Protein backbone atom coordinates (compact mmCIF):
# COMPACT_ATOMS: atom_id res chain seq x y z
CA UNK A 1 0.00 0.00 0.00
CA UNK A 2 1.26 3.30 -1.01
CA UNK A 3 1.37 6.19 1.52
CA UNK A 4 -0.47 9.31 0.45
CA UNK A 5 1.22 12.67 0.62
CA UNK A 6 -1.04 15.48 1.81
CA UNK A 7 -0.65 19.24 1.77
CA UNK A 8 -2.51 21.59 4.09
CA UNK A 9 -3.59 25.01 2.81
CA UNK A 10 -5.28 27.69 4.97
CA UNK A 11 -7.60 30.18 3.26
CA UNK A 12 -9.46 32.73 5.47
CA UNK A 13 -9.15 30.49 8.46
CA UNK A 14 -10.43 27.37 6.63
CA UNK A 15 -8.02 24.51 6.40
CA UNK A 16 -8.02 22.49 3.25
CA UNK A 17 -6.18 19.20 3.03
CA UNK A 18 -5.33 18.28 -0.52
CA UNK A 19 -3.71 15.07 -1.63
CA UNK A 20 -0.52 15.54 -3.55
CA UNK A 21 -0.82 12.34 -5.47
CA UNK A 22 -2.61 12.60 -8.74
CA UNK A 23 -2.06 16.31 -8.92
CA UNK A 24 0.07 17.42 -11.76
CA UNK A 25 0.49 20.98 -10.77
CA UNK A 26 0.27 22.15 -7.18
CA UNK A 27 0.97 25.72 -8.25
CA UNK A 28 -2.15 25.68 -10.40
CA UNK A 29 -4.30 24.77 -7.38
CA UNK A 30 -2.73 27.57 -5.36
CA UNK A 31 -3.47 29.99 -8.20
CA UNK A 32 -7.16 28.99 -8.25
CA UNK A 33 -7.42 29.50 -4.50
CA UNK A 34 -5.70 32.87 -4.76
CA UNK A 35 -8.18 33.98 -7.46
CA UNK A 36 -11.08 32.96 -5.26
CA UNK A 37 -9.56 34.96 -2.41
CA UNK A 38 -9.21 38.02 -4.70
CA UNK A 39 -12.83 37.72 -5.86
CA UNK A 40 -13.97 37.61 -2.25
CA UNK A 41 -11.86 40.67 -1.44
CA UNK A 42 -13.40 42.53 -4.40
CA UNK A 43 -16.91 41.76 -3.10
CA UNK A 44 -15.96 43.03 0.34
CA UNK A 45 -14.60 46.26 -1.17
CA UNK A 46 -17.82 46.78 -3.18
CA UNK A 47 -19.98 46.17 -0.12
CA UNK A 48 -17.81 48.54 1.91
CA UNK A 49 -18.06 51.20 -0.82
CA UNK A 50 -21.88 51.02 -0.95
CA UNK A 51 -22.07 51.10 2.86
CA UNK A 52 -20.01 54.31 2.76
CA UNK A 53 -22.24 55.79 0.05
CA UNK A 54 -25.39 54.99 2.05
CA UNK A 55 -23.88 56.49 5.22
CA UNK A 56 -22.86 59.66 3.38
CA UNK A 57 -26.33 59.96 1.82
CA UNK A 58 -27.88 59.53 5.26
CA UNK A 59 -25.98 62.62 6.39
CA UNK A 60 -26.09 64.71 3.19
CA UNK A 61 -29.81 64.38 2.39
CA UNK A 62 -31.06 65.78 5.73
CA UNK A 63 -28.52 68.62 5.48
CA UNK A 64 -29.70 69.42 1.95
CA UNK A 65 -33.35 69.39 3.04
CA UNK A 66 -32.51 71.69 5.96
CA UNK A 67 -30.66 74.13 3.66
CA UNK A 68 -33.57 74.22 1.20
CA UNK A 69 -36.04 74.73 4.05
CA UNK A 70 -33.98 77.59 5.46
CA UNK A 71 -33.76 79.23 2.02
CA UNK A 72 -37.53 79.02 1.54
CA UNK A 73 -38.15 80.47 5.00
CA UNK A 74 -35.79 83.39 4.37
CA UNK A 75 -37.43 84.13 1.00
CA UNK A 76 -40.92 83.99 2.51
CA UNK A 77 -39.88 86.20 5.42
CA UNK A 78 -38.42 88.80 3.04
CA UNK A 79 -41.60 88.76 0.97
CA UNK A 80 -43.74 89.13 4.11
CA UNK A 81 -41.60 92.02 5.37
CA UNK A 82 -41.92 93.79 2.03
CA UNK A 83 -45.71 93.39 2.03
CA UNK A 84 -45.93 94.63 5.62
CA UNK A 85 -43.83 97.66 4.73
CA UNK A 86 -46.06 98.45 1.75
CA UNK A 87 -49.18 98.07 3.90
CA UNK A 88 -47.74 100.42 6.52
CA UNK A 89 -46.79 102.95 3.82
CA UNK A 90 -50.35 102.80 2.46
CA UNK A 91 -51.71 103.24 5.98
CA UNK A 92 -49.55 106.32 6.50
CA UNK A 93 -50.61 107.76 3.16
CA UNK A 94 -54.31 107.13 3.75
CA UNK A 95 -54.39 108.52 7.29
CA UNK A 96 -56.11 111.74 6.19
CA UNK A 97 -59.58 112.93 5.25
CA UNK A 98 -58.42 114.60 2.06
CA UNK A 99 -57.72 112.43 -1.02
CA UNK A 100 -55.24 114.97 -2.43
CA UNK A 101 -53.36 114.98 0.87
CA UNK A 102 -53.31 111.17 0.75
CA UNK A 103 -51.71 111.29 -2.69
CA UNK A 104 -49.13 113.83 -1.49
CA UNK A 105 -48.34 111.68 1.53
CA UNK A 106 -47.94 108.66 -0.74
CA UNK A 107 -45.51 110.64 -2.88
CA UNK A 108 -43.54 111.64 0.21
CA UNK A 109 -43.34 108.07 1.49
CA UNK A 110 -42.31 106.85 -1.98
CA UNK A 111 -39.61 109.51 -2.14
CA UNK A 112 -38.30 108.53 1.31
CA UNK A 113 -38.18 104.79 0.56
CA UNK A 114 -37.66 104.33 -3.19
CA UNK A 115 -35.89 100.98 -2.75
CA UNK A 116 -38.81 99.51 -0.80
CA UNK A 117 -41.80 100.76 -2.81
CA UNK A 118 -42.80 100.52 -6.46
CA UNK A 119 -42.06 103.57 -8.56
CA UNK A 120 -45.79 103.93 -9.24
CA UNK A 121 -46.78 103.67 -5.56
CA UNK A 122 -48.13 107.23 -5.40
CA UNK A 123 -49.25 107.45 -9.02
CA UNK A 124 -51.59 104.47 -8.71
CA UNK A 125 -53.85 106.50 -6.43
CA UNK A 126 -56.22 108.87 -8.25
CA UNK A 127 -57.75 111.37 -5.76
CA UNK A 128 -60.56 112.29 -8.17
CA UNK A 129 -62.01 108.80 -7.81
CA UNK A 130 -62.21 109.16 -4.04
CA UNK A 131 -63.35 112.78 -3.70
CA UNK A 132 -67.08 112.35 -3.33
CA UNK A 133 -68.70 115.11 -1.32
CA UNK A 134 -66.16 115.12 1.48
CA UNK A 135 -64.52 118.44 2.23
CA UNK A 136 -61.35 119.05 0.26
CA UNK A 137 -59.67 122.01 1.82
CA UNK A 138 -60.57 122.21 5.45
CA UNK A 139 -60.76 118.63 6.57
CA UNK A 140 -62.55 117.70 9.77
CA UNK A 141 -61.84 121.01 11.45
CA UNK A 142 -63.65 122.92 8.68
CA UNK A 143 -66.64 120.60 8.89
CA UNK A 144 -66.84 121.01 12.65
CA UNK A 145 -66.61 124.79 12.23
CA UNK A 146 -69.34 124.71 9.59
CA UNK A 147 -71.74 122.76 11.80
CA UNK A 148 -71.02 124.99 14.81
CA UNK A 149 -71.71 128.08 12.74
CA UNK A 150 -74.73 126.59 11.05
CA UNK A 151 -76.20 125.47 14.35
CA UNK A 152 -75.66 128.85 15.98
CA UNK A 153 -76.70 131.33 13.35
CA UNK A 154 -77.99 129.96 10.07
CA UNK A 155 -81.75 130.18 9.77
CA UNK A 156 -82.35 128.75 6.28
CA UNK A 157 -80.85 125.98 4.15
CA UNK A 158 -79.63 128.61 1.69
CA UNK A 159 -77.55 130.25 4.44
CA UNK A 160 -76.02 126.85 5.27
CA UNK A 161 -75.27 126.22 1.60
CA UNK A 162 -73.71 129.68 1.24
CA UNK A 163 -71.52 129.07 4.28
CA UNK A 164 -70.56 125.66 2.88
CA UNK A 165 -69.51 127.21 -0.42
CA UNK A 166 -67.38 129.78 1.40
CA UNK A 167 -65.55 127.08 3.33
CA UNK A 168 -65.35 124.60 0.42
CA UNK A 169 -65.39 126.62 -2.82
CA UNK A 170 -64.62 123.63 -5.08
CA UNK A 171 -67.49 121.58 -3.67
CA UNK A 172 -70.31 122.33 -6.09
CA UNK A 173 -73.08 120.13 -4.73
CA UNK A 174 -74.42 122.90 -2.49
CA UNK A 175 -74.81 125.48 -5.29
CA UNK A 176 -78.41 124.48 -6.08
CA UNK A 177 -79.74 124.85 -2.51
CA UNK A 178 -82.01 127.89 -2.07
């Protein structure tokens, strides 16, 4: 009986016992095992690469979402501030009883803050549209004076109309009262 010659090879902690007899080329077997080891190493590298990509994406995506959210909030806040400023400017301009004075105030506010208001801010307001029969020249004080005078001394509607025309000469509605 012939004694068998064995060779022991260790690959990744696994022992392989290969008989030497009947094997023409031991180097060829070692080469096959080495290729298998390289293929396994390549798989590990690919898995490690994709694990790194997934980890980086897990950090980058929330940061990107946070940056976009912050940008949207800043843009909305700027837009809101601009609208609030325009509303306050309109409130300042309209805080009068006289439409012409409102237009002049709007012009003044537009001149003071040209970078914050449209160029046509004051020109968009037409005082003729809003005149009506409200007093133009005297404002509330003139109306109060008119009613005090009318209540104290005017005896007929014609006297009231005459007094009205003296205080508000451009207001023509009272001309026909006799």
